[in-house]
């Protein structure tokens, strides 16, 4: 009898200690692009809708408090995990746009140019017929400076020569000249 009471108490404690949570995101709305880290000076925002929905898309630059004013976050010098919500301010970098997907697959895309290294946030709100927000999806993006040492597109697809082939080629060049 004591084991049953102990088992019931343990089950009750486990059930009352867990928190039920429901996602506020819409499963038919997915932020396909940009990735968590992007290199360059522009953002390509792509939102995939897998059902007829109306969405409102916004983009923000996250700025951190420095003294009495807010400045852009330098992702190469800042530990992003240590930033708190009270130290961050979101500054809009685009006018919010509404988009209505009509079929079973629709894609919204927008290119934002002339962005500088920093932390950005993309926010997508799903709207109902009365233009009320029913779900929100958001993601943070770190924009880094384009690295000049990255290979260009044509260099990526060139295959390196094997060492045997290179040796034979050098031998023939030495034997017959250029």
N, C-alpha and C. Protein backbone atom coordinates (compact mmCIF):
# COMPACT_ATOMS: atom_id res chain seq x y z
N UNK A 1 0.82 -1.18 0.00
CA UNK A 1 0.00 0.00 0.00
C UNK A 1 0.87 1.26 0.00
N UNK A 2 1.97 1.23 0.76
CA UNK A 2 2.87 2.37 0.81
C UNK A 2 3.53 2.61 -0.55
N UNK A 3 3.81 1.52 -1.28
CA UNK A 3 4.42 1.66 -2.59
C UNK A 3 3.47 2.35 -3.56
N UNK A 4 2.18 2.06 -3.48
CA UNK A 4 1.19 2.69 -4.35
C UNK A 4 1.08 4.18 -4.06
N UNK A 5 1.07 4.51 -2.81
CA UNK A 5 0.98 5.92 -2.42
C UNK A 5 2.23 6.67 -2.87
N UNK A 6 3.39 6.06 -2.67
CA UNK A 6 4.64 6.66 -3.11
C UNK A 6 4.66 6.82 -4.64
N UNK A 7 4.20 5.81 -5.37
CA UNK A 7 4.15 5.88 -6.83
C UNK A 7 3.20 6.99 -7.29
N UNK A 8 2.04 7.12 -6.66
CA UNK A 8 1.09 8.18 -7.01
C UNK A 8 1.67 9.57 -6.72
N UNK A 9 2.37 9.71 -5.61
CA UNK A 9 2.98 10.98 -5.27
C UNK A 9 4.05 11.35 -6.30
N UNK A 10 4.87 10.37 -6.69
CA UNK A 10 5.92 10.62 -7.69
C UNK A 10 5.29 11.02 -9.03
N UNK A 11 4.25 10.31 -9.45
CA UNK A 11 3.57 10.64 -10.71
C UNK A 11 2.95 12.03 -10.63
N UNK A 12 2.31 12.36 -9.53
CA UNK A 12 1.70 13.68 -9.36
C UNK A 12 2.75 14.79 -9.41
N UNK A 13 3.89 14.57 -8.76
CA UNK A 13 4.97 15.57 -8.77
C UNK A 13 5.51 15.75 -10.19
N UNK A 14 5.70 14.66 -10.91
CA UNK A 14 6.21 14.75 -12.28
C UNK A 14 5.22 15.48 -13.19
N UNK A 15 3.94 15.17 -13.06
CA UNK A 15 2.94 15.82 -13.90
C UNK A 15 2.75 17.29 -13.56
N UNK A 16 2.78 17.62 -12.31
CA UNK A 16 2.58 19.02 -11.93
C UNK A 16 3.83 19.85 -12.17
N UNK A 17 4.98 19.22 -12.25
CA UNK A 17 6.22 19.95 -12.49
C UNK A 17 6.48 20.25 -13.95
N UNK A 18 5.81 19.52 -14.84
CA UNK A 18 6.02 19.78 -16.27
C UNK A 18 5.16 20.94 -16.73
N UNK A 19 5.66 21.62 -17.71
CA UNK A 19 4.96 22.78 -18.24
C UNK A 19 4.46 22.44 -19.63
N UNK A 20 3.21 22.67 -19.87
CA UNK A 20 2.66 22.46 -21.20
C UNK A 20 2.87 23.73 -22.00
N UNK A 21 3.39 23.57 -23.19
CA UNK A 21 3.58 24.74 -24.05
C UNK A 21 3.13 24.39 -25.45
N UNK A 22 2.62 25.37 -26.14
CA UNK A 22 2.17 25.19 -27.50
C UNK A 22 2.93 26.16 -28.38
N UNK A 23 3.33 25.69 -29.53
CA UNK A 23 4.08 26.54 -30.44
C UNK A 23 3.17 27.61 -31.02
N UNK A 24 3.69 28.81 -31.07
CA UNK A 24 2.93 29.91 -31.63
C UNK A 24 3.25 30.09 -33.10
N UNK A 25 3.99 29.15 -33.66
CA UNK A 25 4.37 29.25 -35.06
C UNK A 25 3.38 28.49 -35.92
N UNK A 26 3.25 28.91 -37.15
CA UNK A 26 2.37 28.27 -38.12
C UNK A 26 3.18 27.25 -38.89
N UNK A 27 2.76 26.00 -38.89
CA UNK A 27 3.53 24.95 -39.57
C UNK A 27 3.49 25.09 -41.09
N UNK A 28 2.57 25.87 -41.63
CA UNK A 28 2.49 26.08 -43.07
C UNK A 28 3.37 27.22 -43.54
N UNK A 29 4.01 27.93 -42.61
CA UNK A 29 4.86 29.07 -42.94
C UNK A 29 6.27 28.76 -42.46
N UNK A 30 7.24 28.78 -43.38
CA UNK A 30 8.63 28.44 -43.06
C UNK A 30 9.56 29.52 -43.61
N UNK A 31 10.49 29.98 -42.76
CA UNK A 31 11.53 30.89 -43.23
C UNK A 31 12.61 30.04 -43.87
N UNK A 32 12.68 30.06 -45.21
CA UNK A 32 13.61 29.22 -45.94
C UNK A 32 15.00 29.85 -46.04
N UNK A 33 15.06 31.16 -46.08
CA UNK A 33 16.32 31.86 -46.24
C UNK A 33 16.19 33.22 -45.58
N UNK A 34 17.20 33.76 -45.02
CA UNK A 34 18.61 33.40 -45.01
C UNK A 34 18.92 32.39 -43.92
N UNK A 35 20.14 31.86 -44.01
CA UNK A 35 20.63 30.91 -43.02
C UNK A 35 21.01 31.67 -41.75
N UNK A 36 21.38 30.95 -40.71
CA UNK A 36 21.74 31.60 -39.44
C UNK A 36 22.93 32.53 -39.59
N UNK A 37 23.87 32.19 -40.47
CA UNK A 37 25.03 33.04 -40.73
C UNK A 37 25.10 33.30 -42.22
N UNK A 38 25.19 34.58 -42.58
CA UNK A 38 25.24 34.98 -43.98
C UNK A 38 26.46 35.87 -44.18
N UNK A 39 27.09 35.75 -45.34
CA UNK A 39 28.25 36.56 -45.65
C UNK A 39 27.92 37.48 -46.81
N UNK A 40 28.33 38.73 -46.71
CA UNK A 40 28.12 39.67 -47.80
C UNK A 40 27.43 40.93 -47.33
N UNK A 41 26.85 41.66 -48.30
CA UNK A 41 26.23 42.93 -47.96
C UNK A 41 24.76 42.98 -48.34
N UNK A 42 24.11 41.81 -48.48
CA UNK A 42 22.67 41.81 -48.73
C UNK A 42 22.03 40.59 -48.08
N UNK A 43 20.72 40.70 -47.86
CA UNK A 43 19.93 39.61 -47.31
C UNK A 43 18.88 39.21 -48.33
N UNK A 44 18.77 37.93 -48.61
CA UNK A 44 17.70 37.43 -49.45
C UNK A 44 16.73 36.70 -48.53
N UNK A 45 15.55 37.27 -48.36
CA UNK A 45 14.53 36.69 -47.49
C UNK A 45 13.61 35.84 -48.36
N UNK A 46 13.44 34.57 -47.99
CA UNK A 46 12.52 33.68 -48.69
C UNK A 46 11.63 32.99 -47.66
N UNK A 47 10.33 33.11 -47.87
CA UNK A 47 9.35 32.50 -46.98
C UNK A 47 8.54 31.51 -47.80
N UNK A 48 8.45 30.26 -47.34
CA UNK A 48 7.70 29.23 -48.04
C UNK A 48 6.36 29.02 -47.35
N UNK A 49 5.28 29.07 -48.12
CA UNK A 49 3.93 28.82 -47.62
C UNK A 49 3.41 27.55 -48.27
N UNK A 50 2.94 26.60 -47.47
CA UNK A 50 2.43 25.35 -48.00
C UNK A 50 0.91 25.26 -47.90
N UNK A 51 0.27 26.40 -47.68
CA UNK A 51 -1.19 26.49 -47.65
C UNK A 51 -1.56 27.92 -48.01
N UNK A 52 -2.78 28.13 -48.48
CA UNK A 52 -3.21 29.50 -48.78
C UNK A 52 -3.28 30.32 -47.49
N UNK A 53 -2.35 31.21 -47.31
CA UNK A 53 -2.24 32.03 -46.09
C UNK A 53 -1.86 33.45 -46.47
N UNK A 54 -2.14 34.38 -45.55
CA UNK A 54 -1.67 35.76 -45.69
C UNK A 54 -0.63 35.98 -44.60
N UNK A 55 0.52 36.51 -45.00
CA UNK A 55 1.59 36.75 -44.03
C UNK A 55 2.02 38.21 -44.09
N UNK A 56 2.63 38.66 -43.02
CA UNK A 56 3.24 39.99 -42.96
C UNK A 56 4.70 39.79 -42.57
N UNK A 57 5.61 40.28 -43.40
CA UNK A 57 7.04 40.05 -43.22
C UNK A 57 7.71 41.35 -42.81
N UNK A 58 8.55 41.28 -41.78
CA UNK A 58 9.31 42.43 -41.29
C UNK A 58 10.76 42.01 -41.09
N UNK A 59 11.67 42.97 -41.23
CA UNK A 59 13.09 42.71 -40.99
C UNK A 59 13.64 43.81 -40.09
N UNK A 60 14.47 43.41 -39.15
CA UNK A 60 15.01 44.35 -38.16
C UNK A 60 16.51 44.14 -38.00
N UNK A 61 17.20 45.22 -37.66
CA UNK A 61 18.58 45.11 -37.22
C UNK A 61 18.55 45.17 -35.70
N UNK A 62 19.22 44.22 -35.07
CA UNK A 62 19.30 44.20 -33.61
C UNK A 62 20.49 45.07 -33.21
N UNK A 63 20.26 46.01 -32.32
CA UNK A 63 21.32 46.89 -31.85
C UNK A 63 21.44 46.74 -30.34
N UNK A 64 22.67 46.90 -29.83
CA UNK A 64 22.89 46.76 -28.40
C UNK A 64 23.17 48.12 -27.78
N UNK A 65 22.86 48.20 -26.51
CA UNK A 65 23.05 49.45 -25.78
C UNK A 65 24.52 49.65 -25.47
N UNK A 66 25.01 50.83 -25.81
CA UNK A 66 26.39 51.21 -25.53
C UNK A 66 26.34 52.60 -24.91
N UNK A 67 26.42 52.64 -23.61
CA UNK A 67 26.27 53.92 -22.91
C UNK A 67 24.81 54.35 -22.95
N UNK A 68 24.56 55.50 -23.53
CA UNK A 68 23.19 56.01 -23.61
C UNK A 68 22.54 55.78 -24.96
N UNK A 69 23.28 55.23 -25.94
CA UNK A 69 22.69 55.04 -27.26
C UNK A 69 22.84 53.58 -27.70
N UNK A 70 22.16 53.25 -28.78
CA UNK A 70 22.21 51.90 -29.33
C UNK A 70 23.08 51.90 -30.59
N UNK A 71 23.93 50.86 -30.71
CA UNK A 71 24.84 50.73 -31.85
C UNK A 71 24.70 49.33 -32.43
N UNK A 72 25.14 49.19 -33.68
CA UNK A 72 25.11 47.87 -34.33
C UNK A 72 25.99 46.89 -33.56
N UNK A 73 25.56 45.65 -33.55
CA UNK A 73 26.31 44.59 -32.87
C UNK A 73 27.38 44.07 -33.82
N UNK A 74 28.62 44.04 -33.38
CA UNK A 74 29.71 43.47 -34.16
C UNK A 74 29.79 41.98 -33.82
N UNK A 75 29.32 41.09 -34.71
CA UNK A 75 29.27 39.67 -34.36
C UNK A 75 30.64 39.03 -34.17
N UNK A 76 31.69 39.62 -34.72
CA UNK A 76 33.02 39.03 -34.55
C UNK A 76 33.63 39.38 -33.19
N UNK A 77 33.10 40.41 -32.53
CA UNK A 77 33.65 40.84 -31.24
C UNK A 77 32.68 40.66 -30.08
N UNK A 78 31.46 40.21 -30.33
CA UNK A 78 30.44 40.12 -29.30
C UNK A 78 30.03 38.67 -29.08
N UNK A 79 29.93 38.27 -27.81
CA UNK A 79 29.40 36.95 -27.48
C UNK A 79 27.88 37.07 -27.47
N UNK A 80 27.24 36.58 -28.53
CA UNK A 80 25.81 36.76 -28.71
C UNK A 80 24.99 36.05 -27.64
N UNK A 81 25.53 35.01 -27.04
CA UNK A 81 24.79 34.29 -26.01
C UNK A 81 24.67 35.09 -24.71
N UNK A 82 25.50 36.10 -24.55
CA UNK A 82 25.46 36.90 -23.32
C UNK A 82 24.59 38.14 -23.44
N UNK A 83 24.04 38.40 -24.61
CA UNK A 83 23.16 39.55 -24.78
C UNK A 83 21.80 39.25 -24.17
N UNK A 84 21.25 40.21 -23.46
CA UNK A 84 19.93 40.03 -22.87
C UNK A 84 18.92 40.92 -23.60
N UNK A 85 17.65 40.61 -23.45
CA UNK A 85 16.60 41.34 -24.15
C UNK A 85 16.56 42.82 -23.76
N UNK A 86 16.97 43.13 -22.54
CA UNK A 86 16.92 44.54 -22.11
C UNK A 86 18.06 45.36 -22.72
N UNK A 87 19.09 44.71 -23.25
CA UNK A 87 20.21 45.41 -23.87
C UNK A 87 20.06 45.54 -25.38
N UNK A 88 18.98 44.96 -25.95
CA UNK A 88 18.82 44.94 -27.41
C UNK A 88 17.61 45.77 -27.82
N UNK A 89 17.79 46.49 -28.92
CA UNK A 89 16.71 47.25 -29.52
C UNK A 89 16.61 46.83 -30.99
N UNK A 90 15.39 46.63 -31.48
CA UNK A 90 15.18 46.25 -32.88
C UNK A 90 14.84 47.49 -33.69
N UNK A 91 15.60 47.71 -34.76
CA UNK A 91 15.39 48.85 -35.65
C UNK A 91 14.95 48.31 -37.00
N UNK A 92 13.81 48.74 -37.49
CA UNK A 92 13.27 48.25 -38.75
C UNK A 92 14.17 48.65 -39.92
N UNK A 93 14.45 47.68 -40.82
CA UNK A 93 15.26 47.98 -42.00
C UNK A 93 14.43 47.86 -43.27
N UNK A 94 13.15 47.53 -43.13
CA UNK A 94 12.24 47.49 -44.28
C UNK A 94 10.82 47.74 -43.82
N UNK A 95 10.01 48.27 -44.70
CA UNK A 95 8.60 48.44 -44.39
C UNK A 95 7.96 47.07 -44.40
N UNK A 96 7.14 46.78 -43.39
CA UNK A 96 6.47 45.48 -43.33
C UNK A 96 5.62 45.29 -44.58
N UNK A 97 5.71 44.08 -45.16
CA UNK A 97 4.98 43.77 -46.39
C UNK A 97 4.05 42.60 -46.17
N UNK A 98 2.84 42.70 -46.74
CA UNK A 98 1.89 41.59 -46.69
C UNK A 98 1.97 40.81 -47.99
N UNK A 99 1.78 39.50 -47.88
CA UNK A 99 1.81 38.61 -49.03
C UNK A 99 0.75 37.54 -48.82
N UNK A 100 -0.01 37.25 -49.87
CA UNK A 100 -1.03 36.21 -49.79
C UNK A 100 -0.67 35.08 -50.73
N UNK A 101 -0.47 33.91 -50.16
CA UNK A 101 -0.21 32.72 -50.95
C UNK A 101 -1.53 32.12 -51.38
N UNK A 102 -1.63 31.71 -52.64
CA UNK A 102 -2.92 31.25 -53.16
C UNK A 102 -3.02 29.74 -53.32
N UNK A 103 -1.93 29.06 -53.49
CA UNK A 103 -1.99 27.62 -53.74
C UNK A 103 -1.41 26.82 -52.60
N UNK A 104 -1.08 25.57 -52.90
CA UNK A 104 -0.50 24.70 -51.88
C UNK A 104 1.00 24.94 -51.71
N UNK A 105 1.59 25.70 -52.63
CA UNK A 105 2.99 26.08 -52.48
C UNK A 105 3.20 27.48 -53.06
N UNK A 106 3.55 28.40 -52.19
CA UNK A 106 3.84 29.78 -52.61
C UNK A 106 5.13 30.21 -51.93
N UNK A 107 5.84 31.13 -52.58
CA UNK A 107 7.10 31.62 -52.03
C UNK A 107 7.11 33.14 -52.09
N UNK A 108 7.40 33.75 -50.94
CA UNK A 108 7.61 35.19 -50.86
C UNK A 108 9.12 35.40 -50.84
N UNK A 109 9.62 36.36 -51.61
CA UNK A 109 11.05 36.66 -51.55
C UNK A 109 11.26 38.16 -51.64
N UNK A 110 12.30 38.60 -50.97
CA UNK A 110 12.65 40.02 -50.92
C UNK A 110 14.15 40.10 -50.72
N UNK A 111 14.79 41.00 -51.45
CA UNK A 111 16.23 41.21 -51.30
C UNK A 111 16.44 42.57 -50.65
N UNK A 112 17.20 42.57 -49.58
CA UNK A 112 17.56 43.81 -48.88
C UNK A 112 19.04 44.02 -49.11
N UNK A 113 19.37 45.13 -49.76
CA UNK A 113 20.76 45.41 -50.10
C UNK A 113 21.38 46.39 -49.11
N UNK A 114 22.69 46.50 -49.19
CA UNK A 114 23.48 47.44 -48.39
C UNK A 114 23.32 47.23 -46.89
N UNK A 115 23.35 45.95 -46.47
CA UNK A 115 23.38 45.68 -45.03
C UNK A 115 24.84 45.55 -44.62
N UNK A 116 25.15 45.89 -43.40
CA UNK A 116 26.51 45.80 -42.91
C UNK A 116 26.59 44.68 -41.88
N UNK A 117 27.78 44.22 -41.53
CA UNK A 117 27.89 43.14 -40.55
C UNK A 117 27.15 43.49 -39.26
N UNK A 118 26.42 42.52 -38.75
CA UNK A 118 25.64 42.73 -37.54
C UNK A 118 24.67 41.58 -37.34
N UNK A 119 23.71 41.80 -36.44
CA UNK A 119 22.70 40.81 -36.12
C UNK A 119 21.35 41.34 -36.60
N UNK A 120 20.64 40.51 -37.33
CA UNK A 120 19.36 40.89 -37.90
C UNK A 120 18.30 39.88 -37.49
N UNK A 121 17.03 40.29 -37.56
CA UNK A 121 15.92 39.40 -37.21
C UNK A 121 14.86 39.51 -38.29
N UNK A 122 14.36 38.36 -38.73
CA UNK A 122 13.27 38.28 -39.68
C UNK A 122 12.05 37.80 -38.90
N UNK A 123 10.93 38.52 -39.05
CA UNK A 123 9.71 38.17 -38.33
C UNK A 123 8.59 37.99 -39.34
N UNK A 124 7.89 36.85 -39.26
CA UNK A 124 6.78 36.55 -40.15
C UNK A 124 5.55 36.32 -39.29
N UNK A 125 4.51 37.10 -39.55
CA UNK A 125 3.24 36.96 -38.83
C UNK A 125 2.19 36.41 -39.78
N UNK A 126 1.46 35.38 -39.34
CA UNK A 126 0.36 34.83 -40.11
C UNK A 126 -0.90 35.59 -39.73
N UNK A 127 -1.63 36.08 -40.74
CA UNK A 127 -2.83 36.89 -40.52
C UNK A 127 -4.07 36.11 -40.92
N UNK A 128 -5.17 36.35 -40.18
CA UNK A 128 -6.44 35.76 -40.58
C UNK A 128 -7.19 36.74 -41.49
N UNK A 129 -8.45 36.45 -41.82
CA UNK A 129 -9.22 37.27 -42.75
C UNK A 129 -9.45 38.68 -42.21
N UNK A 130 -9.48 38.82 -40.88
CA UNK A 130 -9.70 40.13 -40.25
C UNK A 130 -8.38 40.87 -40.03
N UNK A 131 -7.28 40.35 -40.62
CA UNK A 131 -5.93 40.94 -40.50
C UNK A 131 -5.40 40.91 -39.06
N UNK A 132 -5.87 39.95 -38.27
CA UNK A 132 -5.37 39.76 -36.91
C UNK A 132 -4.26 38.71 -36.94
N UNK A 133 -3.26 38.89 -36.11
CA UNK A 133 -2.13 37.96 -36.05
C UNK A 133 -2.55 36.68 -35.34
N UNK A 134 -2.37 35.54 -36.04
CA UNK A 134 -2.71 34.25 -35.44
C UNK A 134 -1.49 33.43 -35.07
N UNK A 135 -0.35 33.71 -35.70
CA UNK A 135 0.88 32.99 -35.39
C UNK A 135 2.07 33.86 -35.79
N UNK A 136 3.20 33.62 -35.13
CA UNK A 136 4.41 34.39 -35.41
C UNK A 136 5.60 33.44 -35.50
N UNK A 137 6.42 33.65 -36.51
CA UNK A 137 7.67 32.92 -36.68
C UNK A 137 8.78 33.96 -36.79
N UNK A 138 9.89 33.71 -36.10
CA UNK A 138 10.98 34.67 -36.10
C UNK A 138 12.31 33.94 -36.08
N UNK A 139 13.32 34.55 -36.71
CA UNK A 139 14.66 33.96 -36.69
C UNK A 139 15.69 35.07 -36.66
N UNK A 140 16.84 34.79 -36.04
CA UNK A 140 17.97 35.72 -35.99
C UNK A 140 19.03 35.31 -36.98
N UNK A 141 19.60 36.30 -37.62
CA UNK A 141 20.64 36.05 -38.62
C UNK A 141 21.86 36.88 -38.26
N UNK A 142 23.03 36.28 -38.38
CA UNK A 142 24.28 37.00 -38.20
C UNK A 142 24.86 37.25 -39.58
N UNK A 143 25.09 38.51 -39.91
CA UNK A 143 25.69 38.88 -41.19
C UNK A 143 27.15 39.19 -40.93
N UNK A 144 28.02 38.47 -41.62
CA UNK A 144 29.46 38.65 -41.49
C UNK A 144 29.98 39.30 -42.77
N UNK A 145 31.15 39.90 -42.67
CA UNK A 145 31.79 40.51 -43.83
C UNK A 145 32.22 39.42 -44.79
N UNK A 146 32.09 39.70 -46.10
CA UNK A 146 32.49 38.73 -47.12
C UNK A 146 33.99 38.51 -47.04
N UNK A 147 34.40 37.26 -46.97
CA UNK A 147 35.81 36.90 -46.89
C UNK A 147 36.39 36.87 -48.30
N UNK A 148 37.45 37.64 -48.56
CA UNK A 148 38.06 37.71 -49.89
C UNK A 148 38.78 36.43 -50.27
N UNK A 149 39.10 35.58 -49.29
CA UNK A 149 39.83 34.35 -49.59
C UNK A 149 38.91 33.23 -50.06
N UNK A 150 37.59 33.48 -50.10
CA UNK A 150 36.66 32.47 -50.55
C UNK A 150 36.83 32.29 -52.05
N UNK A 151 36.83 31.06 -52.50
CA UNK A 151 37.03 30.77 -53.92
C UNK A 151 35.85 31.27 -54.73
N UNK A 152 36.15 31.75 -55.92
CA UNK A 152 35.07 32.20 -56.80
C UNK A 152 34.36 30.98 -57.36
N UNK A 153 33.21 31.21 -57.99
CA UNK A 153 32.40 30.11 -58.51
C UNK A 153 33.13 29.25 -59.52
N UNK A 154 33.93 29.85 -60.41
CA UNK A 154 34.63 29.06 -61.42
C UNK A 154 35.74 28.22 -60.79
N UNK A 155 36.33 28.69 -59.72
CA UNK A 155 37.41 27.93 -59.07
C UNK A 155 36.89 26.73 -58.30
N UNK A 156 35.66 26.79 -57.87
CA UNK A 156 35.10 25.70 -57.08
C UNK A 156 34.97 24.43 -57.91
N UNK A 157 34.61 24.58 -59.20
CA UNK A 157 34.32 23.41 -60.03
C UNK A 157 35.53 22.88 -60.78
N UNK A 158 36.69 23.50 -60.63
CA UNK A 158 37.88 22.97 -61.25
C UNK A 158 38.43 21.84 -60.39
N UNK A 159 38.73 20.72 -61.03
CA UNK A 159 39.24 19.58 -60.28
C UNK A 159 40.76 19.65 -60.24
N UNK A 160 41.35 19.40 -59.09
CA UNK A 160 42.81 19.42 -59.01
C UNK A 160 43.39 18.19 -59.71
N UNK A 161 44.60 18.36 -60.24
CA UNK A 161 45.26 17.24 -60.91
C UNK A 161 45.85 16.31 -59.85
N UNK A 162 45.84 15.03 -60.17
CA UNK A 162 46.45 14.07 -59.27
C UNK A 162 47.98 14.21 -59.36
N UNK A 163 48.69 13.74 -58.36
CA UNK A 163 50.15 13.89 -58.33
C UNK A 163 50.81 13.08 -59.45
N UNK A 164 50.25 11.93 -59.82
CA UNK A 164 50.82 11.11 -60.90
C UNK A 164 50.66 11.84 -62.22
N UNK A 165 49.47 12.37 -62.44
CA UNK A 165 49.22 13.09 -63.69
C UNK A 165 50.13 14.32 -63.79
N UNK A 166 50.30 15.01 -62.69
CA UNK A 166 51.17 16.20 -62.68
C UNK A 166 52.61 15.80 -62.96
N UNK A 167 53.07 14.65 -62.40
CA UNK A 167 54.44 14.19 -62.62
C UNK A 167 54.67 13.83 -64.09
N UNK A 168 53.67 13.11 -64.69
CA UNK A 168 53.78 12.73 -66.10
C UNK A 168 53.80 13.97 -66.98
N UNK A 169 52.95 14.93 -66.67
CA UNK A 169 52.90 16.16 -67.45
C UNK A 169 54.23 16.91 -67.36
N UNK A 170 54.81 17.02 -66.18
CA UNK A 170 56.10 17.68 -66.01
C UNK A 170 57.21 16.93 -66.74
N UNK A 171 57.18 15.58 -66.67
CA UNK A 171 58.19 14.78 -67.37
C UNK A 171 58.15 15.00 -68.87
N UNK A 172 56.93 14.99 -69.44
CA UNK A 172 56.79 15.22 -70.89
C UNK A 172 57.22 16.62 -71.29
N UNK A 173 56.92 17.61 -70.45
CA UNK A 173 57.34 18.98 -70.73
C UNK A 173 58.87 19.07 -70.74
N UNK A 174 59.51 18.40 -69.78
CA UNK A 174 60.97 18.41 -69.72
C UNK A 174 61.58 17.67 -70.90
N UNK A 175 60.93 16.59 -71.33
CA UNK A 175 61.44 15.78 -72.42
C UNK A 175 61.32 16.46 -73.77
N UNK A 176 60.13 17.03 -74.03
CA UNK A 176 59.87 17.64 -75.33
C UNK A 176 59.88 19.16 -75.31
N UNK A 177 59.98 19.78 -74.18
CA UNK A 177 59.91 21.25 -74.08
C UNK A 177 58.47 21.69 -73.94
N UNK A 178 58.28 22.98 -73.87
CA UNK A 178 56.93 23.51 -73.69
C UNK A 178 56.11 23.20 -74.91
